[in-house]
Amino acid sequence: GGMADTPASASGDASSSSYLSHQIAWKDVDPVRFFGFNLIFSVFADTAVYPVDVVRTRMQVQGSSLHELSYPRYTSTMDCFKKIWRLEGYRGFFKGFFTSELGYATSHTLYYCAYEVIKQGLQEVYPPEKAKDPNLAVFVSTAVAGGLADLTSCFLWVPFDVATQRLQLQGPLRKPQFAGGRDAMRQIYANQGIRGLYRGFGATIIRNAPYSAAWWSSYELSKKYFHSIDLRSKLGLASRDEKRFQSKAQQDGDGMSIFREVENEDPLIHMVSGMVAAVTATVLLNPLDIAKTRLQSTDFISSSSSSSPASTSSTSASPSAYPSSSSSSSSSTPHQRPPSNNNVFKILALMFRQEASVRLVKASSLPL
């Protein structure tokens, strides 16, 4: 929803205007409505899936030998949901939520803007309809645009992501180190400087840029495919009546309005294509996501586990209070992070050595 003008059926005199027919382009979009609706719906969607993100983060970290947990060990995704609800209540599912949303709102505004501008710029230079292989042209333009858009947005997103993950990992077995997102950023900056806030930036790029490239290319190709097979008729649903919108894109040198007829895309195809893209990208890139999460949270877990006698005593007392925790064996020994495991590839290698490779696909969330 960011169309600049009215549907074609309500248009004015066509004789004084020029008409072009194409997909919705950035020039057809009302930026205020585009960013406004994007922000509103993104917040609603993120609120709905945020508890899953907390579960995902904890499940990804608990298998690492580099971490000493401040929450009970979980045997499955459902066990994680149950124990968070029982020991932490609904607040446990929303730790770091406002920090995440602030970063999400700012970085994703830049992300979607960059994606659309880069994609359409590439497709103007190399139009898919004129290419020998249109599918390959769509794949290249959307994959490159998705990767570059994510690279751009990560400069805003990573500090918020670091703080959010550290808040998500604060469980009930130890006194929290951070009072909130602002306090987490303040402490990280005071102890580690700007590099602490951008810890895992390279890992984020290595994971997110390919993820974004895989997501957008899968999404655009899925849309193209589902349009070609007429998905609605395949599902036995009624066809949509209105196929086109009219958008006043610009004025020519004589002051005449140039109207564009653009596709009124089917929301059902958007939804199904988004699901296909999410599954494809998550299955391909989830191992990198696990390594990124562990890299960004390692310093926090290590320092908090041996920061003070008070924290040590509270940790050692926790097994009796929570019998399901497996931290009793590690609470008596200070946990040190091996200095060699300081990049995403070394953590991936450690994961392969210490955990069965099939477990790398655990705790996959599907960010639609």
Protein backbone atom coordinates (compact mmCIF):
# COMPACT_ATOMS: atom_id res chain seq x y z
CA GLY A 1 0.00 0.00 0.00
CA GLY A 2 1.86 3.00 -1.23
CA MET A 3 0.24 3.73 -4.58
CA ALA A 4 0.35 7.35 -5.57
CA ASP A 5 -3.02 7.78 -7.20
CA THR A 6 -6.31 6.05 -8.05
CA PRO A 7 -7.40 2.74 -9.56
CA ALA A 8 -7.63 2.66 -13.34
CA SER A 9 -11.38 2.40 -13.24
CA ALA A 10 -11.55 5.83 -11.58
CA SER A 11 -9.04 7.56 -13.85
CA GLY A 12 -9.63 10.79 -15.71
CA ASP A 13 -9.29 11.62 -19.38
CA ALA A 14 -6.84 9.22 -20.96
CA SER A 15 -6.37 11.37 -24.07
CA SER A 16 -4.15 13.91 -22.28
CA SER A 17 -1.93 11.30 -20.66
CA SER A 18 0.62 8.68 -21.61
CA TYR A 19 0.22 5.11 -20.33
CA LEU A 20 2.79 2.45 -19.59
CA SER A 21 2.12 -1.03 -18.20
CA HIS A 22 4.61 -2.62 -15.79
CA GLN A 23 5.23 -3.85 -12.27
CA ILE A 24 5.15 -1.41 -9.37
CA ALA A 25 8.37 0.63 -9.33
CA TRP A 26 9.85 2.89 -6.67
CA LYS A 27 8.69 5.97 -8.61
CA ASP A 28 5.08 4.73 -8.30
CA VAL A 29 5.20 4.60 -4.50
CA ASP A 30 4.08 7.22 -2.01
CA PRO A 31 7.05 7.16 0.42
CA VAL A 32 5.06 8.36 3.45
CA ARG A 33 2.44 5.64 3.07
CA PHE A 34 5.04 3.03 2.12
CA PHE A 35 7.23 3.58 5.19
CA GLY A 36 4.28 4.23 7.48
CA PHE A 37 2.40 1.04 6.66
CA ASN A 38 5.64 -0.91 6.50
CA LEU A 39 6.54 0.18 10.03
CA ILE A 40 3.08 -0.55 11.46
CA PHE A 41 2.73 -4.02 9.96
CA SER A 42 6.35 -4.92 10.70
CA VAL A 43 5.85 -4.12 14.39
CA PHE A 44 2.69 -6.23 14.52
CA ALA A 45 4.40 -9.14 12.77
CA ASP A 46 7.52 -8.92 14.94
CA THR A 47 5.40 -8.84 18.10
CA ALA A 48 3.69 -12.06 17.04
CA VAL A 49 6.93 -13.97 16.37
CA TYR A 50 9.22 -12.42 19.01
CA PRO A 51 8.67 -15.22 21.57
CA VAL A 52 9.88 -17.66 18.91
CA ASP A 53 12.97 -15.53 18.44
CA VAL A 54 13.77 -15.73 22.16
CA VAL A 55 13.37 -19.50 22.05
CA ARG A 56 15.52 -19.72 18.92
CA THR A 57 18.32 -17.68 20.48
CA ARG A 58 18.44 -19.77 23.64
CA MET A 59 18.25 -23.08 21.77
CA GLN A 60 21.07 -22.04 19.47
CA VAL A 61 23.37 -21.01 22.31
CA GLN A 62 22.81 -23.86 24.77
CA GLY A 63 24.71 -26.42 22.71
CA SER A 64 27.92 -24.38 22.78
CA SER A 65 30.85 -25.33 25.02
CA LEU A 66 31.80 -21.63 25.08
CA HIS A 67 28.77 -20.65 27.16
CA GLU A 68 27.64 -21.16 30.73
CA LEU A 69 23.89 -20.83 30.76
CA SER A 70 21.79 -18.71 33.11
CA TYR A 71 18.66 -20.71 32.32
CA PRO A 72 17.71 -24.42 32.53
CA ARG A 73 18.83 -26.64 29.70
CA TYR A 74 16.00 -27.32 27.28
CA THR A 75 15.41 -30.69 25.67
CA SER A 76 13.28 -29.39 22.78
CA THR A 77 11.61 -26.29 21.41
CA MET A 78 8.37 -27.08 23.25
CA ASP A 79 10.31 -27.74 26.46
CA CYS A 80 11.89 -24.31 26.07
CA PHE A 81 8.47 -22.66 25.72
CA LYS A 82 7.16 -24.49 28.80
CA LYS A 83 10.13 -23.69 31.04
CA ILE A 84 10.25 -20.02 30.07
CA TRP A 85 6.55 -19.71 30.83
CA ARG A 86 6.86 -21.57 34.14
CA LEU A 87 10.01 -19.86 35.44
CA GLU A 88 9.85 -16.39 33.84
CA GLY A 89 6.23 -15.83 32.84
CA TYR A 90 5.18 -13.92 29.75
CA ARG A 91 7.95 -11.36 30.35
CA GLY A 92 10.50 -14.03 29.57
CA PHE A 93 9.22 -14.21 26.00
CA PHE A 94 9.70 -10.47 25.47
CA LYS A 95 13.15 -9.82 26.91
CA GLY A 96 14.87 -7.21 24.77
CA PHE A 97 11.71 -6.57 22.77
CA PHE A 98 11.78 -2.77 22.77
CA THR A 99 15.50 -2.71 22.00
CA SER A 100 14.87 -5.04 19.08
CA GLU A 101 11.96 -3.00 17.78
CA LEU A 102 13.89 0.27 17.86
CA GLY A 103 16.68 -1.29 15.84
CA TYR A 104 14.23 -3.08 13.57
CA ALA A 105 12.27 0.07 12.75
CA THR A 106 15.33 2.13 11.86
CA SER A 107 17.37 -0.49 10.02
CA HIS A 108 14.50 -2.03 8.05
CA THR A 109 13.35 1.34 6.77
CA LEU A 110 16.78 1.69 5.20
CA TYR A 111 16.75 -1.98 4.15
CA TYR A 112 13.52 -1.93 2.13
CA CYS A 113 14.35 1.41 0.53
CA ALA A 114 17.80 0.18 -0.51
CA TYR A 115 16.40 -3.11 -1.86
CA GLU A 116 13.79 -1.49 -4.08
CA VAL A 117 16.14 1.18 -5.43
CA ILE A 118 18.99 -1.26 -6.15
CA LYS A 119 16.72 -3.94 -7.66
CA GLN A 120 14.95 -1.57 -9.99
CA GLY A 121 18.21 0.12 -10.95
CA LEU A 122 19.68 -3.24 -11.95
CA GLN A 123 16.54 -4.23 -13.84
CA GLU A 124 16.59 -0.97 -15.79
CA VAL A 125 20.16 -1.70 -16.86
CA TYR A 126 19.44 -5.38 -17.56
CA PRO A 127 15.66 -5.79 -18.11
CA PRO A 128 14.52 -9.39 -17.41
CA GLU A 129 12.01 -9.28 -20.29
CA LYS A 130 14.85 -8.64 -22.75
CA ALA A 131 17.22 -11.23 -21.32
CA LYS A 132 17.84 -14.64 -22.88
CA ASP A 133 16.95 -16.23 -19.55
CA PRO A 134 14.40 -14.01 -17.72
CA ASN A 135 14.48 -16.18 -14.60
CA LEU A 136 18.25 -15.83 -14.33
CA ALA A 137 17.98 -12.06 -14.78
CA VAL A 138 15.38 -11.85 -11.98
CA PHE A 139 17.52 -14.08 -9.75
CA VAL A 140 20.66 -11.98 -10.24
CA SER A 141 19.01 -8.58 -9.76
CA THR A 142 17.04 -9.59 -6.66
CA ALA A 143 19.90 -11.57 -5.07
CA VAL A 144 22.37 -8.71 -5.53
CA ALA A 145 19.84 -6.12 -4.33
CA GLY A 146 18.94 -8.21 -1.28
CA GLY A 147 22.56 -8.76 -0.30
CA LEU A 148 23.56 -5.11 -0.72
CA ALA A 149 20.44 -3.87 1.10
CA ASP A 150 21.27 -6.05 4.09
CA LEU A 151 24.88 -4.91 4.07
CA THR A 152 23.65 -1.32 4.21
CA SER A 153 21.15 -1.86 7.03
CA CYS A 154 23.57 -3.84 9.21
CA PHE A 155 25.42 -0.66 10.15
CA LEU A 156 22.27 0.36 12.06
CA TRP A 157 21.06 -3.09 13.10
CA VAL A 158 24.09 -4.85 14.64
CA PRO A 159 24.42 -2.80 17.89
CA PHE A 160 20.73 -3.36 18.62
CA ASP A 161 21.05 -7.04 17.74
CA VAL A 162 23.99 -7.50 20.12
CA ALA A 163 22.11 -5.84 22.99
CA THR A 164 18.89 -7.73 22.22
CA GLN A 165 20.55 -11.14 22.24
CA ARG A 166 22.25 -10.49 25.55
CA LEU A 167 18.95 -9.50 27.11
CA GLN A 168 17.27 -12.59 25.64
CA LEU A 169 19.90 -14.83 27.23
CA GLN A 170 19.39 -13.49 30.76
CA GLY A 171 17.62 -16.39 32.44
CA PRO A 172 16.23 -16.97 35.95
CA LEU A 173 19.26 -18.80 37.38
CA ARG A 174 21.47 -15.75 37.75
CA LYS A 175 21.01 -12.11 38.66
CA PRO A 176 20.60 -10.12 35.42
CA GLN A 177 23.65 -8.15 34.35
CA PHE A 178 21.69 -5.64 32.29
CA ALA A 179 18.62 -3.64 33.33
CA GLY A 180 17.53 -3.05 29.74
CA GLY A 181 18.69 -2.30 26.23
CA ARG A 182 20.09 1.13 27.03
CA ASP A 183 22.01 -0.25 30.01
CA ALA A 184 23.32 -3.14 27.90
CA MET A 185 24.66 -0.78 25.25
CA ARG A 186 26.17 1.50 27.90
CA GLN A 187 27.99 -1.37 29.64
CA ILE A 188 29.18 -2.92 26.39
CA TYR A 189 30.53 0.41 25.18
CA ALA A 190 32.18 1.17 28.55
CA ASN A 191 33.91 -2.23 28.69
CA GLN A 192 34.66 -2.94 25.03
CA GLY A 193 34.23 0.31 23.13
CA ILE A 194 32.56 0.59 19.74
CA ARG A 195 33.98 -2.79 18.73
CA GLY A 196 31.89 -4.40 21.45
CA LEU A 197 28.69 -2.94 20.01
CA TYR A 198 29.69 -4.23 16.58
CA ARG A 199 30.83 -7.62 17.82
CA GLY A 200 29.89 -10.17 15.19
CA PHE A 201 29.41 -7.53 12.47
CA GLY A 202 31.37 -9.63 10.00
CA ALA A 203 29.46 -12.73 11.03
CA THR A 204 26.18 -10.84 10.59
CA ILE A 205 27.18 -9.84 7.07
CA ILE A 206 28.34 -13.37 6.26
CA ARG A 207 25.00 -14.74 7.45
CA ASN A 208 22.50 -11.98 6.62
CA ALA A 209 23.68 -10.91 3.16
CA PRO A 210 23.41 -14.44 1.69
CA TYR A 211 20.16 -14.95 3.62
CA SER A 212 18.67 -11.79 2.18
CA ALA A 213 19.90 -12.71 -1.30
CA ALA A 214 18.39 -16.20 -1.00
CA TRP A 215 15.12 -14.86 0.45
CA TRP A 216 14.48 -12.19 -2.17
CA SER A 217 15.52 -14.28 -5.16
CA SER A 218 13.34 -17.19 -3.96
CA TYR A 219 10.48 -14.78 -3.26
CA GLU A 220 10.56 -13.05 -6.65
CA LEU A 221 10.96 -16.30 -8.59
CA SER A 222 8.15 -17.90 -6.57
CA LYS A 223 5.86 -14.97 -7.37
CA LYS A 224 6.68 -15.31 -11.04
CA TYR A 225 6.01 -19.05 -10.96
CA PHE A 226 2.74 -18.85 -9.02
CA HIS A 227 1.47 -16.15 -11.38
CA SER A 228 2.33 -18.32 -14.37
CA ILE A 229 0.38 -21.33 -13.07
CA ASP A 230 -2.57 -19.19 -11.84
CA LEU A 231 -2.33 -20.30 -8.21
CA ARG A 232 -5.87 -19.21 -7.38
CA SER A 233 -7.41 -21.51 -9.99
CA LYS A 234 -5.17 -24.37 -8.84
CA LEU A 235 -6.54 -23.93 -5.33
CA GLY A 236 -10.13 -23.65 -6.58
CA LEU A 237 -10.46 -20.00 -5.51
CA ALA A 238 -12.30 -17.27 -7.34
CA SER A 239 -10.17 -15.11 -9.62
CA ARG A 240 -9.57 -11.46 -8.78
CA ASP A 241 -11.47 -8.94 -10.90
CA GLU A 242 -9.12 -5.97 -10.82
CA LYS A 243 -5.76 -6.69 -12.45
CA ARG A 244 -4.29 -3.20 -12.75
CA PHE A 245 -3.87 0.05 -10.83
CA GLN A 246 -3.26 3.46 -12.32
CA SER A 247 -0.44 5.50 -10.82
CA LYS A 248 0.53 9.06 -11.69
CA ALA A 249 4.28 8.68 -11.74
CA GLN A 250 5.57 12.00 -13.11
CA GLN A 251 5.02 14.86 -15.55
CA ASP A 252 6.70 15.31 -18.90
CA GLY A 253 8.34 18.49 -20.21
CA ASP A 254 5.01 19.92 -21.40
CA GLY A 255 3.41 19.52 -17.99
CA MET A 256 1.32 16.51 -19.05
CA SER A 257 0.81 13.80 -16.46
CA ILE A 258 2.30 10.42 -17.29
CA PHE A 259 0.17 7.63 -15.87
CA ARG A 260 1.42 4.10 -15.41
CA GLU A 261 -0.78 1.02 -15.29
CA VAL A 262 0.87 -1.19 -12.69
CA GLU A 263 0.05 -4.68 -11.50
CA ASN A 264 -2.37 -5.05 -8.62
CA GLU A 265 -0.47 -8.04 -7.25
CA ASP A 266 -2.32 -10.88 -5.57
CA PRO A 267 -1.77 -10.90 -1.76
CA LEU A 268 -2.23 -14.69 -1.72
CA ILE A 269 0.75 -15.07 -4.04
CA HIS A 270 2.76 -12.67 -1.88
CA MET A 271 2.00 -14.75 1.22
CA VAL A 272 2.78 -18.15 -0.30
CA SER A 273 5.93 -16.82 -1.98
CA GLY A 274 7.09 -15.37 1.32
CA MET A 275 6.67 -18.73 3.03
CA VAL A 276 8.62 -20.51 0.28
CA ALA A 277 11.39 -17.92 0.47
CA ALA A 278 11.61 -18.12 4.27
CA VAL A 279 11.89 -21.90 4.32
CA THR A 280 14.48 -21.91 1.53
CA ALA A 281 16.70 -19.23 3.06
CA THR A 282 16.44 -20.55 6.63
CA VAL A 283 17.36 -24.12 5.74
CA LEU A 284 20.34 -22.93 3.70
CA LEU A 285 21.69 -20.37 6.18
CA ASN A 286 20.65 -21.54 9.67
CA PRO A 287 24.13 -22.92 10.55
CA LEU A 288 25.60 -19.45 10.00
CA ASP A 289 22.82 -17.96 12.12
CA ILE A 290 23.73 -20.25 15.03
CA ALA A 291 27.42 -19.34 14.73
CA LYS A 292 26.58 -15.62 14.59
CA THR A 293 24.43 -15.82 17.72
CA ARG A 294 27.14 -17.66 19.64
CA LEU A 295 29.85 -15.24 18.54
CA GLN A 296 27.86 -12.16 19.55
CA SER A 297 26.91 -13.54 22.98
CA THR A 298 30.13 -15.30 24.07
CA ASP A 299 31.81 -12.37 25.84
CA PHE A 300 28.64 -11.61 27.82
CA ILE A 301 28.20 -15.16 29.11
CA SER A 302 31.85 -15.61 29.97
CA SER A 303 32.24 -12.34 31.85
CA SER A 304 29.02 -12.62 33.79
CA SER A 305 29.72 -16.15 34.95
CA SER A 306 32.85 -15.09 36.82
CA SER A 307 32.24 -11.42 37.43
CA SER A 308 31.68 -11.45 41.16
CA PRO A 309 31.38 -13.73 44.18
CA ALA A 310 27.73 -12.81 44.45
CA SER A 311 26.97 -14.01 40.98
CA THR A 312 28.95 -17.20 41.59
CA SER A 313 27.08 -18.01 44.77
CA SER A 314 23.73 -17.35 43.17
CA THR A 315 24.68 -19.62 40.29
CA SER A 316 25.86 -22.44 42.48
CA ALA A 317 22.66 -22.27 44.46
CA SER A 318 20.52 -22.50 41.38
CA PRO A 319 20.49 -26.27 40.78
CA SER A 320 18.56 -26.97 43.94
CA ALA A 321 16.02 -24.35 43.01
CA TYR A 322 15.75 -25.58 39.43
CA PRO A 323 16.58 -29.28 39.22
CA SER A 324 16.25 -29.26 35.43
CA SER A 325 19.33 -27.07 35.03
CA SER A 326 22.57 -28.68 33.95
CA SER A 327 24.76 -25.80 35.09
CA SER A 328 25.72 -27.33 38.43
CA SER A 329 28.82 -28.99 37.06
CA SER A 330 30.11 -25.82 35.45
CA SER A 331 29.22 -23.36 38.20
CA SER A 332 32.19 -24.38 40.37
CA THR A 333 34.72 -23.76 37.62
CA PRO A 334 35.31 -20.30 36.10
CA HIS A 335 34.37 -20.44 32.44
CA GLN A 336 36.95 -19.02 30.05
CA ARG A 337 36.39 -18.39 26.36
CA PRO A 338 39.20 -19.83 24.25
CA PRO A 339 40.75 -16.83 22.49
CA SER A 340 41.08 -18.73 19.20
CA ASN A 341 37.32 -18.96 18.67
CA ASN A 342 36.88 -15.36 17.67
CA ASN A 343 35.30 -15.57 14.24
CA VAL A 344 32.31 -17.22 12.65
CA PHE A 345 34.28 -19.84 10.71
CA LYS A 346 36.15 -21.09 13.77
CA ILE A 347 32.88 -21.33 15.67
CA LEU A 348 31.34 -23.25 12.78
CA ALA A 349 34.30 -25.66 12.85
CA LEU A 350 33.90 -26.08 16.62
CA MET A 351 30.19 -26.76 16.15
CA PHE A 352 30.91 -29.50 13.63
CA ARG A 353 33.50 -31.08 15.90
CA GLN A 354 31.47 -31.00 19.09
CA GLU A 355 27.91 -31.47 17.84
CA ALA A 356 26.35 -33.78 15.30
CA SER A 357 25.90 -31.92 12.01
CA VAL A 358 22.21 -32.73 11.94
CA ARG A 359 21.73 -30.50 15.01
CA LEU A 360 22.84 -27.43 13.06
CA VAL A 361 19.31 -27.10 11.72
CA LYS A 362 17.77 -26.95 15.20
CA ALA A 363 15.69 -24.05 16.41
CA SER A 364 15.07 -22.67 12.91
CA SER A 365 12.67 -19.75 12.94
CA LEU A 366 10.92 -18.60 9.78
CA PRO A 367 11.07 -14.79 9.49
CA LEU A 368 8.34 -14.17 6.97
